[in-house]
Amino acid sequence: MILTLATLLALGAALALAFGVVLRRRRRATVPVAGDTFDELSESERCDFVFAIAPLDDSRSDALLERALGDPSEIVATAAARAMTQHGRKERLAEYLELHPGKRSSRIADTMELLG
């Protein structure tokens, strides 16, 4: 089967268009504009977001970090704990872990102790 130059160009244009659509959707999904969008991100994107907002010292970032501590993914919760520890929120983290006792909180506390 021999493909003509016009067929190859049309196929290339279709692939480029499809690739562009995928990139636009991905870009929209990775830029949360509200707290509810956080849940729609992948686990790695939530971790990235946690570390990105950790240096901010405002009530919205504090609330999102605390929300991330309760994330269904223990990796995201540990990332939030690490970010809080690194950015002067150790007391807030300790309060959260005390208010939410259990195996998960113990593992997070142990991990933070190991990381120093």
PDB file of N, CA and C in Angstrom:
ATOM      1  N   MET A   1       0.846  -1.181   0.000  1.00  0.00           N
ATOM      2  CA  MET A   1       0.000   0.000   0.000  1.00  0.00           C
ATOM      3  C   MET A   1       0.889   1.241   0.000  1.00  0.00           C
ATOM      4  N   ILE A   2       0.726   2.065  -0.948  1.00  0.00           N
ATOM      5  CA  ILE A   2       1.528   3.269  -1.088  1.00  0.00           C
ATOM      6  C   ILE A   2       0.663   4.463  -0.695  1.00  0.00           C
ATOM      7  N   LEU A   3       1.210   5.248   0.237  1.00  0.00           N
ATOM      8  CA  LEU A   3       0.495   6.438   0.673  1.00  0.00           C
ATOM      9  C   LEU A   3       0.993   7.634  -0.122  1.00  0.00           C
ATOM     10  N   THR A   4       0.074   8.429  -0.568  1.00  0.00           N
ATOM     11  CA  THR A   4       0.453   9.621  -1.322  1.00  0.00           C
ATOM     12  C   THR A   4       0.909  10.711  -0.369  1.00  0.00           C
ATOM     13  N   LEU A   5       1.593  11.687  -0.889  1.00  0.00           N
ATOM     14  CA  LEU A   5       2.068  12.812  -0.081  1.00  0.00           C
ATOM     15  C   LEU A   5       0.891  13.545   0.569  1.00  0.00           C
ATOM     16  N   ALA A   6      -0.190  13.687  -0.136  1.00  0.00           N
ATOM     17  CA  ALA A   6      -1.372  14.368   0.404  1.00  0.00           C
ATOM     18  C   ALA A   6      -1.943  13.580   1.585  1.00  0.00           C
ATOM     19  N   THR A   7      -1.961  12.258   1.473  1.00  0.00           N
ATOM     20  CA  THR A   7      -2.471  11.411   2.560  1.00  0.00           C
ATOM     21  C   THR A   7      -1.581  11.542   3.783  1.00  0.00           C
ATOM     22  N   LEU A   8      -0.273  11.516   3.574  1.00  0.00           N
ATOM     23  CA  LEU A   8       0.662  11.660   4.693  1.00  0.00           C
ATOM     24  C   LEU A   8       0.527  13.022   5.364  1.00  0.00           C
ATOM     25  N   LEU A   9       0.371  14.069   4.569  1.00  0.00           N
ATOM     26  CA  LEU A   9       0.194  15.406   5.139  1.00  0.00           C
ATOM     27  C   LEU A   9      -1.106  15.507   5.935  1.00  0.00           C
ATOM     28  N   ALA A  10      -2.161  14.928   5.414  1.00  0.00           N
ATOM     29  CA  ALA A  10      -3.449  14.944   6.114  1.00  0.00           C
ATOM     30  C   ALA A  10      -3.351  14.168   7.427  1.00  0.00           C
ATOM     31  N   LEU A  11      -2.683  13.025   7.383  1.00  0.00           N
ATOM     32  CA  LEU A  11      -2.503  12.214   8.587  1.00  0.00           C
ATOM     33  C   LEU A  11      -1.665  12.980   9.613  1.00  0.00           C
ATOM     34  N   GLY A  12      -0.613  13.631   9.162  1.00  0.00           N
ATOM     35  CA  GLY A  12       0.234  14.426  10.063  1.00  0.00           C
ATOM     36  C   GLY A  12      -0.534  15.569  10.692  1.00  0.00           C
ATOM     37  N   ALA A  13      -1.356  16.242   9.901  1.00  0.00           N
ATOM     38  CA  ALA A  13      -2.159  17.354  10.424  1.00  0.00           C
ATOM     39  C   ALA A  13      -3.162  16.858  11.464  1.00  0.00           C
ATOM     40  N   ALA A  14      -3.773  15.711  11.205  1.00  0.00           N
ATOM     41  CA  ALA A  14      -4.737  15.148  12.149  1.00  0.00           C
ATOM     42  C   ALA A  14      -4.052  14.776  13.468  1.00  0.00           C
ATOM     43  N   LEU A  15      -2.868  14.180  13.373  1.00  0.00           N
ATOM     44  CA  LEU A  15      -2.127  13.826  14.590  1.00  0.00           C
ATOM     45  C   LEU A  15      -1.713  15.073  15.371  1.00  0.00           C
ATOM     46  N   ALA A  16      -1.268  16.099  14.664  1.00  0.00           N
ATOM     47  CA  ALA A  16      -0.868  17.346  15.325  1.00  0.00           C
ATOM     48  C   ALA A  16      -2.059  17.991  16.036  1.00  0.00           C
ATOM     49  N   LEU A  17      -3.214  17.974  15.398  1.00  0.00           N
ATOM     50  CA  LEU A  17      -4.416  18.537  15.997  1.00  0.00           C
ATOM     51  C   LEU A  17      -4.812  17.756  17.245  1.00  0.00           C
ATOM     52  N   ALA A  18      -4.799  16.430  17.155  1.00  0.00           N
ATOM     53  CA  ALA A  18      -5.152  15.592  18.307  1.00  0.00           C
ATOM     54  C   ALA A  18      -4.169  15.815  19.452  1.00  0.00           C
ATOM     55  N   PHE A  19      -2.892  15.900  19.148  1.00  0.00           N
ATOM     56  CA  PHE A  19      -1.874  16.130  20.163  1.00  0.00           C
ATOM     57  C   PHE A  19      -2.083  17.485  20.839  1.00  0.00           C
ATOM     58  N   GLY A  20      -2.434  18.499  20.075  1.00  0.00           N
ATOM     59  CA  GLY A  20      -2.699  19.820  20.625  1.00  0.00           C
ATOM     60  C   GLY A  20      -3.880  19.822  21.578  1.00  0.00           C
ATOM     61  N   VAL A  21      -4.925  19.089  21.237  1.00  0.00           N
ATOM     62  CA  VAL A  21      -6.108  18.986  22.097  1.00  0.00           C
ATOM     63  C   VAL A  21      -5.734  18.323  23.415  1.00  0.00           C
ATOM     64  N   VAL A  22      -4.951  17.254  23.347  1.00  0.00           N
ATOM     65  CA  VAL A  22      -4.528  16.549  24.559  1.00  0.00           C
ATOM     66  C   VAL A  22      -3.701  17.476  25.443  1.00  0.00           C
ATOM     67  N   LEU A  23      -2.772  18.216  24.859  1.00  0.00           N
ATOM     68  CA  LEU A  23      -1.946  19.142  25.642  1.00  0.00           C
ATOM     69  C   LEU A  23      -2.775  20.230  26.305  1.00  0.00           C
ATOM     70  N   ARG A  24      -3.751  20.780  25.590  1.00  0.00           N
ATOM     71  CA  ARG A  24      -4.602  21.818  26.184  1.00  0.00           C
ATOM     72  C   ARG A  24      -5.402  21.262  27.355  1.00  0.00           C
ATOM     73  N   ARG A  25      -5.928  20.059  27.214  1.00  0.00           N
ATOM     74  CA  ARG A  25      -6.687  19.452  28.321  1.00  0.00           C
ATOM     75  C   ARG A  25      -5.786  19.211  29.511  1.00  0.00           C
ATOM     76  N   ARG A  26      -4.588  18.706  29.269  1.00  0.00           N
ATOM     77  CA  ARG A  26      -3.648  18.432  30.354  1.00  0.00           C
ATOM     78  C   ARG A  26      -3.263  19.728  31.065  1.00  0.00           C
ATOM     79  N   ARG A  27      -3.012  20.784  30.300  1.00  0.00           N
ATOM     80  CA  ARG A  27      -2.640  22.056  30.900  1.00  0.00           C
ATOM     81  C   ARG A  27      -3.755  22.573  31.806  1.00  0.00           C
ATOM     82  N   ARG A  28      -4.986  22.470  31.358  1.00  0.00           N
ATOM     83  CA  ARG A  28      -6.123  22.920  32.178  1.00  0.00           C
ATOM     84  C   ARG A  28      -6.230  22.102  33.454  1.00  0.00           C
ATOM     85  N   ALA A  29      -5.976  20.806  33.376  1.00  0.00           N
ATOM     86  CA  ALA A  29      -6.129  19.933  34.539  1.00  0.00           C
ATOM     87  C   ALA A  29      -5.037  20.160  35.580  1.00  0.00           C
ATOM     88  N   THR A  30      -3.892  20.707  35.184  1.00  0.00           N
ATOM     89  CA  THR A  30      -2.795  20.852  36.124  1.00  0.00           C
ATOM     90  C   THR A  30      -2.710  22.245  36.744  1.00  0.00           C
ATOM     91  N   VAL A  31      -3.644  23.119  36.428  1.00  0.00           N
ATOM     92  CA  VAL A  31      -3.618  24.459  37.003  1.00  0.00           C
ATOM     93  C   VAL A  31      -4.904  24.671  37.796  1.00  0.00           C
ATOM     94  N   PRO A  32      -4.911  24.235  39.049  1.00  0.00           N
ATOM     95  CA  PRO A  32      -6.131  24.369  39.839  1.00  0.00           C
ATOM     96  C   PRO A  32      -6.421  25.830  40.161  1.00  0.00           C
ATOM     97  N   VAL A  33      -7.676  26.188  40.049  1.00  0.00           N
ATOM     98  CA  VAL A  33      -8.084  27.544  40.376  1.00  0.00           C
ATOM     99  C   VAL A  33      -8.879  27.591  41.671  1.00  0.00           C
ATOM    100  N   ALA A  34      -9.274  26.449  42.155  1.00  0.00           N
ATOM    101  CA  ALA A  34     -10.027  26.388  43.402  1.00  0.00           C
ATOM    102  C   ALA A  34      -9.653  25.115  44.135  1.00  0.00           C
ATOM    103  N   GLY A  35      -9.937  25.078  45.417  1.00  0.00           N
ATOM    104  CA  GLY A  35      -9.611  23.916  46.232  1.00  0.00           C
ATOM    105  C   GLY A  35     -10.237  22.623  45.730  1.00  0.00           C
ATOM    106  N   ASP A  36     -11.443  22.706  45.145  1.00  0.00           N
ATOM    107  CA  ASP A  36     -12.117  21.509  44.669  1.00  0.00           C
ATOM    108  C   ASP A  36     -11.355  20.848  43.523  1.00  0.00           C
ATOM    109  N   THR A  37     -10.618  21.610  42.759  1.00  0.00           N
ATOM    110  CA  THR A  37      -9.862  21.083  41.626  1.00  0.00           C
ATOM    111  C   THR A  37      -8.708  20.211  42.105  1.00  0.00           C
ATOM    112  N   PHE A  38      -8.223  20.422  43.303  1.00  0.00           N
ATOM    113  CA  PHE A  38      -7.117  19.657  43.867  1.00  0.00           C
ATOM    114  C   PHE A  38      -7.394  18.161  43.796  1.00  0.00           C
ATOM    115  N   ASP A  39      -8.610  17.766  44.104  1.00  0.00           N
ATOM    116  CA  ASP A  39      -8.985  16.350  44.101  1.00  0.00           C
ATOM    117  C   ASP A  39      -8.943  15.726  42.711  1.00  0.00           C
ATOM    118  N   GLU A  40      -9.042  16.543  41.684  1.00  0.00           N
ATOM    119  CA  GLU A  40      -9.049  16.041  40.316  1.00  0.00           C
ATOM    120  C   GLU A  40      -7.645  15.797  39.771  1.00  0.00           C
ATOM    121  N   LEU A  41      -6.623  16.283  40.476  1.00  0.00           N
ATOM    122  CA  LEU A  41      -5.253  16.106  40.029  1.00  0.00           C
ATOM    123  C   LEU A  41      -4.772  14.687  40.308  1.00  0.00           C
ATOM    124  N   SER A  42      -3.770  14.258  39.568  1.00  0.00           N
ATOM    125  CA  SER A  42      -3.172  12.947  39.835  1.00  0.00           C
ATOM    126  C   SER A  42      -2.388  13.033  41.147  1.00  0.00           C
ATOM    127  N   GLU A  43      -1.996  11.886  41.655  1.00  0.00           N
ATOM    128  CA  GLU A  43      -1.242  11.845  42.907  1.00  0.00           C
ATOM    129  C   GLU A  43       0.052  12.658  42.797  1.00  0.00           C
ATOM    130  N   SER A  44       0.788  12.489  41.724  1.00  0.00           N
ATOM    131  CA  SER A  44       2.048  13.230  41.572  1.00  0.00           C
ATOM    132  C   SER A  44       1.791  14.724  41.404  1.00  0.00           C
ATOM    133  N   GLU A  45       0.721  15.092  40.725  1.00  0.00           N
ATOM    134  CA  GLU A  45       0.382  16.513  40.568  1.00  0.00           C
ATOM    135  C   GLU A  45      -0.015  17.127  41.909  1.00  0.00           C
ATOM    136  N   ARG A  46      -0.735  16.351  42.741  1.00  0.00           N
ATOM    137  CA  ARG A  46      -1.098  16.855  44.068  1.00  0.00           C
ATOM    138  C   ARG A  46       0.155  17.084  44.915  1.00  0.00           C
ATOM    139  N   CYS A  47       1.123  16.157  44.820  1.00  0.00           N
ATOM    140  CA  CYS A  47       2.387  16.340  45.554  1.00  0.00           C
ATOM    141  C   CYS A  47       3.119  17.582  45.059  1.00  0.00           C
ATOM    142  N   ASP A  48       3.215  17.739  43.751  1.00  0.00           N
ATOM    143  CA  ASP A  48       3.861  18.928  43.184  1.00  0.00           C
ATOM    144  C   ASP A  48       3.174  20.200  43.662  1.00  0.00           C
ATOM    145  N   PHE A  49       1.854  20.174  43.655  1.00  0.00           N
ATOM    146  CA  PHE A  49       1.086  21.351  44.067  1.00  0.00           C
ATOM    147  C   PHE A  49       1.337  21.677  45.538  1.00  0.00           C
ATOM    148  N   VAL A  50       1.386  20.644  46.368  1.00  0.00           N
ATOM    149  CA  VAL A  50       1.649  20.830  47.799  1.00  0.00           C
ATOM    150  C   VAL A  50       2.985  21.533  48.004  1.00  0.00           C
ATOM    151  N   PHE A  51       4.020  21.055  47.318  1.00  0.00           N
ATOM    152  CA  PHE A  51       5.338  21.669  47.479  1.00  0.00           C
ATOM    153  C   PHE A  51       5.392  23.067  46.870  1.00  0.00           C
ATOM    154  N   ALA A  52       4.585  23.310  45.854  1.00  0.00           N
ATOM    155  CA  ALA A  52       4.564  24.634  45.226  1.00  0.00           C
ATOM    156  C   ALA A  52       3.909  25.686  46.121  1.00  0.00           C
ATOM    157  N   ILE A  53       2.863  25.303  46.848  1.00  0.00           N
ATOM    158  CA  ILE A  53       2.170  26.294  47.675  1.00  0.00           C
ATOM    159  C   ILE A  53       2.750  26.410  49.080  1.00  0.00           C
ATOM    160  N   ALA A  54       3.586  25.461  49.483  1.00  0.00           N
ATOM    161  CA  ALA A  54       4.112  25.455  50.848  1.00  0.00           C
ATOM    162  C   ALA A  54       4.821  26.750  51.234  1.00  0.00           C
ATOM    163  N   PRO A  55       5.587  27.380  50.351  1.00  0.00           N
ATOM    164  CA  PRO A  55       6.258  28.629  50.750  1.00  0.00           C
ATOM    165  C   PRO A  55       5.307  29.804  50.987  1.00  0.00           C
ATOM    166  N   LEU A  56       4.092  29.719  50.470  1.00  0.00           N
ATOM    167  CA  LEU A  56       3.129  30.793  50.680  1.00  0.00           C
ATOM    168  C   LEU A  56       2.684  30.771  52.130  1.00  0.00           C
ATOM    169  N   ASP A  57       2.572  31.907  52.713  1.00  0.00           N
ATOM    170  CA  ASP A  57       2.184  31.982  54.119  1.00  0.00           C
ATOM    171  C   ASP A  57       0.853  32.717  54.222  1.00  0.00           C
ATOM    172  N   ASP A  58      -0.200  32.010  53.820  1.00  0.00           N
ATOM    173  CA  ASP A  58      -1.527  32.610  53.908  1.00  0.00           C
ATOM    174  C   ASP A  58      -2.534  31.540  54.302  1.00  0.00           C
ATOM    175  N   SER A  59      -3.727  31.978  54.599  1.00  0.00           N
ATOM    176  CA  SER A  59      -4.747  31.053  55.102  1.00  0.00           C
ATOM    177  C   SER A  59      -5.173  30.023  54.053  1.00  0.00           C
ATOM    178  N   ARG A  60      -5.196  30.408  52.775  1.00  0.00           N
ATOM    179  CA  ARG A  60      -5.604  29.462  51.723  1.00  0.00           C
ATOM    180  C   ARG A  60      -4.585  28.334  51.575  1.00  0.00           C
ATOM    181  N   SER A  61      -3.304  28.678  51.596  1.00  0.00           N
ATOM    182  CA  SER A  61      -2.290  27.624  51.463  1.00  0.00           C
ATOM    183  C   SER A  61      -2.273  26.745  52.716  1.00  0.00           C
ATOM    184  N   ASP A  62      -2.465  27.354  53.887  1.00  0.00           N
ATOM    185  CA  ASP A  62      -2.554  26.568  55.122  1.00  0.00           C
ATOM    186  C   ASP A  62      -3.707  25.574  55.048  1.00  0.00           C
ATOM    187  N   ALA A  63      -4.849  26.044  54.590  1.00  0.00           N
ATOM    188  CA  ALA A  63      -6.029  25.181  54.488  1.00  0.00           C
ATOM    189  C   ALA A  63      -5.796  24.044  53.495  1.00  0.00           C
ATOM    190  N   LEU A  64      -5.155  24.353  52.377  1.00  0.00           N
ATOM    191  CA  LEU A  64      -4.912  23.309  51.393  1.00  0.00           C
ATOM    192  C   LEU A  64      -3.891  22.290  51.904  1.00  0.00           C
ATOM    193  N   LEU A  65      -2.879  22.742  52.627  1.00  0.00           N
ATOM    194  CA  LEU A  65      -1.911  21.806  53.202  1.00  0.00           C
ATOM    195  C   LEU A  65      -2.581  20.884  54.220  1.00  0.00           C
ATOM    196  N   GLU A  66      -3.447  21.448  55.041  1.00  0.00           N
ATOM    197  CA  GLU A  66      -4.168  20.609  56.005  1.00  0.00           C
ATOM    198  C   GLU A  66      -5.107  19.641  55.296  1.00  0.00           C
ATOM    199  N   ARG A  67      -5.723  20.095  54.238  1.00  0.00           N
ATOM    200  CA  ARG A  67      -6.582  19.209  53.445  1.00  0.00           C
ATOM    201  C   ARG A  67      -5.755  18.078  52.834  1.00  0.00           C
ATOM    202  N   ALA A  68      -4.546  18.407  52.384  1.00  0.00           N
ATOM    203  CA  ALA A  68      -3.665  17.388  51.796  1.00  0.00           C
ATOM    204  C   ALA A  68      -3.227  16.366  52.842  1.00  0.00           C
ATOM    205  N   LEU A  69      -3.160  16.765  54.108  1.00  0.00           N
ATOM    206  CA  LEU A  69      -2.820  15.801  55.162  1.00  0.00           C
ATOM    207  C   LEU A  69      -3.879  14.708  55.267  1.00  0.00           C
ATOM    208  N   GLY A  70      -5.104  15.027  54.908  1.00  0.00           N
ATOM    209  CA  GLY A  70      -6.192  14.050  54.943  1.00  0.00           C
ATOM    210  C   GLY A  70      -6.455  13.394  53.604  1.00  0.00           C
ATOM    211  N   ASP A  71      -5.570  13.625  52.638  1.00  0.00           N
ATOM    212  CA  ASP A  71      -5.734  13.064  51.289  1.00  0.00           C
ATOM    213  C   ASP A  71      -5.805  11.542  51.357  1.00  0.00           C
ATOM    214  N   PRO A  72      -6.601  10.925  50.488  1.00  0.00           N
ATOM    215  CA  PRO A  72      -6.674   9.460  50.468  1.00  0.00           C
ATOM    216  C   PRO A  72      -5.317   8.792  50.218  1.00  0.00           C
ATOM    217  N   SER A  73      -4.433   9.488  49.519  1.00  0.00           N
ATOM    218  CA  SER A  73      -3.099   8.957  49.252  1.00  0.00           C
ATOM    219  C   SER A  73      -2.168   9.321  50.405  1.00  0.00           C
ATOM    220  N   GLU A  74      -1.573   8.306  51.006  1.00  0.00           N
ATOM    221  CA  GLU A  74      -0.640   8.568  52.100  1.00  0.00           C
ATOM    222  C   GLU A  74       0.608   9.279  51.594  1.00  0.00           C
ATOM    223  N   ILE A  75       0.946   9.097  50.339  1.00  0.00           N
ATOM    224  CA  ILE A  75       2.100   9.788  49.754  1.00  0.00           C
ATOM    225  C   ILE A  75       1.841  11.290  49.729  1.00  0.00           C
ATOM    226  N   VAL A  76       0.645  11.687  49.327  1.00  0.00           N
ATOM    227  CA  VAL A  76       0.298  13.114  49.296  1.00  0.00           C
ATOM    228  C   VAL A  76       0.279  13.668  50.717  1.00  0.00           C
ATOM    229  N   ALA A  77      -0.273  12.922  51.646  1.00  0.00           N
ATOM    230  CA  ALA A  77      -0.313  13.371  53.040  1.00  0.00           C
ATOM    231  C   ALA A  77       1.099  13.530  53.596  1.00  0.00           C
ATOM    232  N   THR A  78       1.989  12.609  53.266  1.00  0.00           N
ATOM    233  CA  THR A  78       3.376  12.703  53.729  1.00  0.00           C
ATOM    234  C   THR A  78       4.079  13.886  53.071  1.00  0.00           C
ATOM    235  N   ALA A  79       3.794  14.130  51.803  1.00  0.00           N
ATOM    236  CA  ALA A  79       4.364  15.299  51.116  1.00  0.00           C
ATOM    237  C   ALA A  79       3.901  16.583  51.804  1.00  0.00           C
ATOM    238  N   ALA A  80       2.642  16.634  52.174  1.00  0.00           N
ATOM    239  CA  ALA A  80       2.117  17.820  52.863  1.00  0.00           C
ATOM    240  C   ALA A  80       2.804  17.995  54.216  1.00  0.00           C
ATOM    241  N   ALA A  81       2.983  16.900  54.934  1.00  0.00           N
ATOM    242  CA  ALA A  81       3.666  16.977  56.230  1.00  0.00           C
ATOM    243  C   ALA A  81       5.100  17.461  56.059  1.00  0.00           C
ATOM    244  N   ARG A  82       5.774  16.953  55.047  1.00  0.00           N
ATOM    245  CA  ARG A  82       7.155  17.370  54.783  1.00  0.00           C
ATOM    246  C   ARG A  82       7.198  18.855  54.413  1.00  0.00           C
ATOM    247  N   ALA A  83       6.292  19.276  53.577  1.00  0.00           N
ATOM    248  CA  ALA A  83       6.248  20.685  53.168  1.00  0.00           C
ATOM    249  C   ALA A  83       5.974  21.581  54.372  1.00  0.00           C
ATOM    250  N   MET A  84       5.076  21.152  55.235  1.00  0.00           N
ATOM    251  CA  MET A  84       4.771  21.944  56.430  1.00  0.00           C
ATOM    252  C   MET A  84       5.988  22.032  57.341  1.00  0.00           C
ATOM    253  N   THR A  85       6.693  20.920  57.480  1.00  0.00           N
ATOM    254  CA  THR A  85       7.887  20.885  58.315  1.00  0.00           C
ATOM    255  C   THR A  85       8.966  21.798  57.760  1.00  0.00           C
ATOM    256  N   GLN A  86       9.149  21.776  56.467  1.00  0.00           N
ATOM    257  CA  GLN A  86      10.186  22.579  55.823  1.00  0.00           C
ATOM    258  C   GLN A  86       9.891  24.077  55.848  1.00  0.00           C
ATOM    259  N   HIS A  87       8.635  24.436  56.002  1.00  0.00           N
ATOM    260  CA  HIS A  87       8.256  25.847  55.909  1.00  0.00           C
ATOM    261  C   HIS A  87       7.669  26.403  57.202  1.00  0.00           C
ATOM    262  N   GLY A  88       8.160  25.909  58.325  1.00  0.00           N
ATOM    263  CA  GLY A  88       7.833  26.508  59.613  1.00  0.00           C
ATOM    264  C   GLY A  88       6.443  26.245  60.144  1.00  0.00           C
ATOM    265  N   ARG A  89       5.834  25.165  59.730  1.00  0.00           N
ATOM    266  CA  ARG A  89       4.487  24.845  60.230  1.00  0.00           C
ATOM    267  C   ARG A  89       4.489  23.561  61.061  1.00  0.00           C
ATOM    268  N   LYS A  90       5.579  23.314  61.775  1.00  0.00           N
ATOM    269  CA  LYS A  90       5.695  22.084  62.573  1.00  0.00           C
ATOM    270  C   LYS A  90       4.616  21.996  63.648  1.00  0.00           C
ATOM    271  N   GLU A  91       4.331  23.120  64.289  1.00  0.00           N
ATOM    272  CA  GLU A  91       3.324  23.110  65.348  1.00  0.00           C
ATOM    273  C   GLU A  91       1.945  22.762  64.794  1.00  0.00           C
ATOM    274  N   ARG A  92       1.643  23.340  63.652  1.00  0.00           N
ATOM    275  CA  ARG A  92       0.345  23.074  63.013  1.00  0.00           C
ATOM    276  C   ARG A  92       0.238  21.599  62.622  1.00  0.00           C
ATOM    277  N   LEU A  93       1.335  21.046  62.120  1.00  0.00           N
ATOM    278  CA  LEU A  93       1.365  19.625  61.770  1.00  0.00           C
ATOM    279  C   LEU A  93       1.161  18.774  63.016  1.00  0.00           C
ATOM    280  N   ALA A  94       1.855  19.114  64.093  1.00  0.00           N
ATOM    281  CA  ALA A  94       1.714  18.359  65.345  1.00  0.00           C
ATOM    282  C   ALA A  94       0.276  18.401  65.846  1.00  0.00           C
ATOM    283  N   GLU A  95      -0.354  19.558  65.754  1.00  0.00           N
ATOM    284  CA  GLU A  95      -1.757  19.679  66.163  1.00  0.00           C
ATOM    285  C   GLU A  95      -2.659  18.780  65.320  1.00  0.00           C
ATOM    286  N   TYR A  96      -2.428  18.801  64.003  1.00  0.00           N
ATOM    287  CA  TYR A  96      -3.245  17.980  63.111  1.00  0.00           C
ATOM    288  C   TYR A  96      -3.081  16.500  63.453  1.00  0.00           C
ATOM    289  N   LEU A  97      -1.843  16.052  63.629  1.00  0.00           N
ATOM    290  CA  LEU A  97      -1.599  14.637  63.916  1.00  0.00           C
ATOM    291  C   LEU A  97      -2.192  14.230  65.262  1.00  0.00           C
ATOM    292  N   GLU A  98      -2.173  15.156  66.212  1.00  0.00           N
ATOM    293  CA  GLU A  98      -2.762  14.874  67.523  1.00  0.00           C
ATOM    294  C   GLU A  98      -4.287  14.760  67.432  1.00  0.00           C
ATOM    295  N   LEU A  99      -4.892  15.596  66.590  1.00  0.00           N
ATOM    296  CA  LEU A  99      -6.345  15.563  66.415  1.00  0.00           C
ATOM    297  C   LEU A  99      -6.810  14.365  65.581  1.00  0.00           C
ATOM    298  N   HIS A 100      -5.893  13.742  64.857  1.00  0.00           N
ATOM    299  CA  HIS A 100      -6.217  12.599  63.993  1.00  0.00           C
ATOM    300  C   HIS A 100      -5.315  11.416  64.335  1.00  0.00           C
ATOM    301  N   PRO A 101      -5.475  10.863  65.538  1.00  0.00           N
ATOM    302  CA  PRO A 101      -4.596   9.763  65.948  1.00  0.00           C
ATOM    303  C   PRO A 101      -4.873   8.497  65.128  1.00  0.00           C
ATOM    304  N   GLY A 102      -3.882   7.657  65.063  1.00  0.00           N
ATOM    305  CA  GLY A 102      -4.035   6.389  64.348  1.00  0.00           C
ATOM    306  C   GLY A 102      -2.720   5.967  63.707  1.00  0.00           C
ATOM    307  N   LYS A 103      -2.785   4.854  63.015  1.00  0.00           N
ATOM    308  CA  LYS A 103      -1.585   4.303  62.387  1.00  0.00           C
ATOM    309  C   LYS A 103      -1.002   5.247  61.335  1.00  0.00           C
ATOM    310  N   ARG A 104      -1.878   5.844  60.558  1.00  0.00           N
ATOM    311  CA  ARG A 104      -1.393   6.734  59.504  1.00  0.00           C
ATOM    312  C   ARG A 104      -0.657   7.933  60.094  1.00  0.00           C
ATOM    313  N   SER A 105      -1.240   8.562  61.080  1.00  0.00           N
ATOM    314  CA  SER A 105      -0.594   9.709  61.722  1.00  0.00           C
ATOM    315  C   SER A 105       0.727   9.297  62.360  1.00  0.00           C
ATOM    316  N   SER A 106       0.765   8.112  62.939  1.00  0.00           N
ATOM    317  CA  SER A 106       2.008   7.611  63.536  1.00  0.00           C
ATOM    318  C   SER A 106       3.083   7.416  62.479  1.00  0.00           C
ATOM    319  N   ARG A 107       2.697   6.862  61.329  1.00  0.00           N
ATOM    320  CA  ARG A 107       3.672   6.655  60.249  1.00  0.00           C
ATOM    321  C   ARG A 107       4.189   7.997  59.728  1.00  0.00           C
ATOM    322  N   ILE A 108       3.289   8.953  59.585  1.00  0.00           N
ATOM    323  CA  ILE A 108       3.705  10.269  59.101  1.00  0.00           C
ATOM    324  C   ILE A 108       4.648  10.919  60.112  1.00  0.00           C
ATOM    325  N   ALA A 109       4.313  10.857  61.394  1.00  0.00           N
ATOM    326  CA  ALA A 109       5.163  11.436  62.434  1.00  0.00           C
ATOM    327  C   ALA A 109       6.530  10.758  62.449  1.00  0.00           C
ATOM    328  N   ASP A 110       6.539   9.426  62.324  1.00  0.00           N
ATOM    329  CA  ASP A 110       7.809   8.692  62.295  1.00  0.00           C
ATOM    330  C   ASP A 110       8.653   9.086  61.090  1.00  0.00           C
ATOM    331  N   THR A 111       8.008   9.254  59.946  1.00  0.00           N
ATOM    332  CA  THR A 111       8.722   9.653  58.735  1.00  0.00           C
ATOM    333  C   THR A 111       9.320  11.041  58.900  1.00  0.00           C
ATOM    334  N   MET A 112       8.561  11.966  59.471  1.00  0.00           N
ATOM    335  CA  MET A 112       9.069  13.321  59.664  1.00  0.00           C
ATOM    336  C   MET A 112      10.246  13.314  60.648  1.00  0.00           C
ATOM    337  N   GLU A 113      10.174  12.452  61.649  1.00  0.00           N
ATOM    338  CA  GLU A 113      11.268  12.355  62.597  1.00  0.00           C
ATOM    339  C   GLU A 113      12.536  11.814  61.923  1.00  0.00           C
ATOM    340  N   LEU A 114      12.371  10.831  61.035  1.00  0.00           N
ATOM    341  CA  LEU A 114      13.514  10.291  60.302  1.00  0.00           C
ATOM    342  C   LEU A 114      14.134  11.311  59.365  1.00  0.00           C
ATOM    343  N   LEU A 115      13.287  12.114  58.747  1.00  0.00           N
ATOM    344  CA  LEU A 115      13.777  13.114  57.799  1.00  0.00           C
ATOM    345  C   LEU A 115      14.405  14.311  58.497  1.00  0.00           C
ATOM    346  N   GLY A 116      14.084  14.447  59.782  1.00  0.00           N
ATOM    347  CA  GLY A 116      14.689  15.533  60.570  1.00  0.00           C
ATOM    348  C   GLY A 116      14.073  16.806  60.297  1.00  0.00           C
TER     349      GLY A 116
END
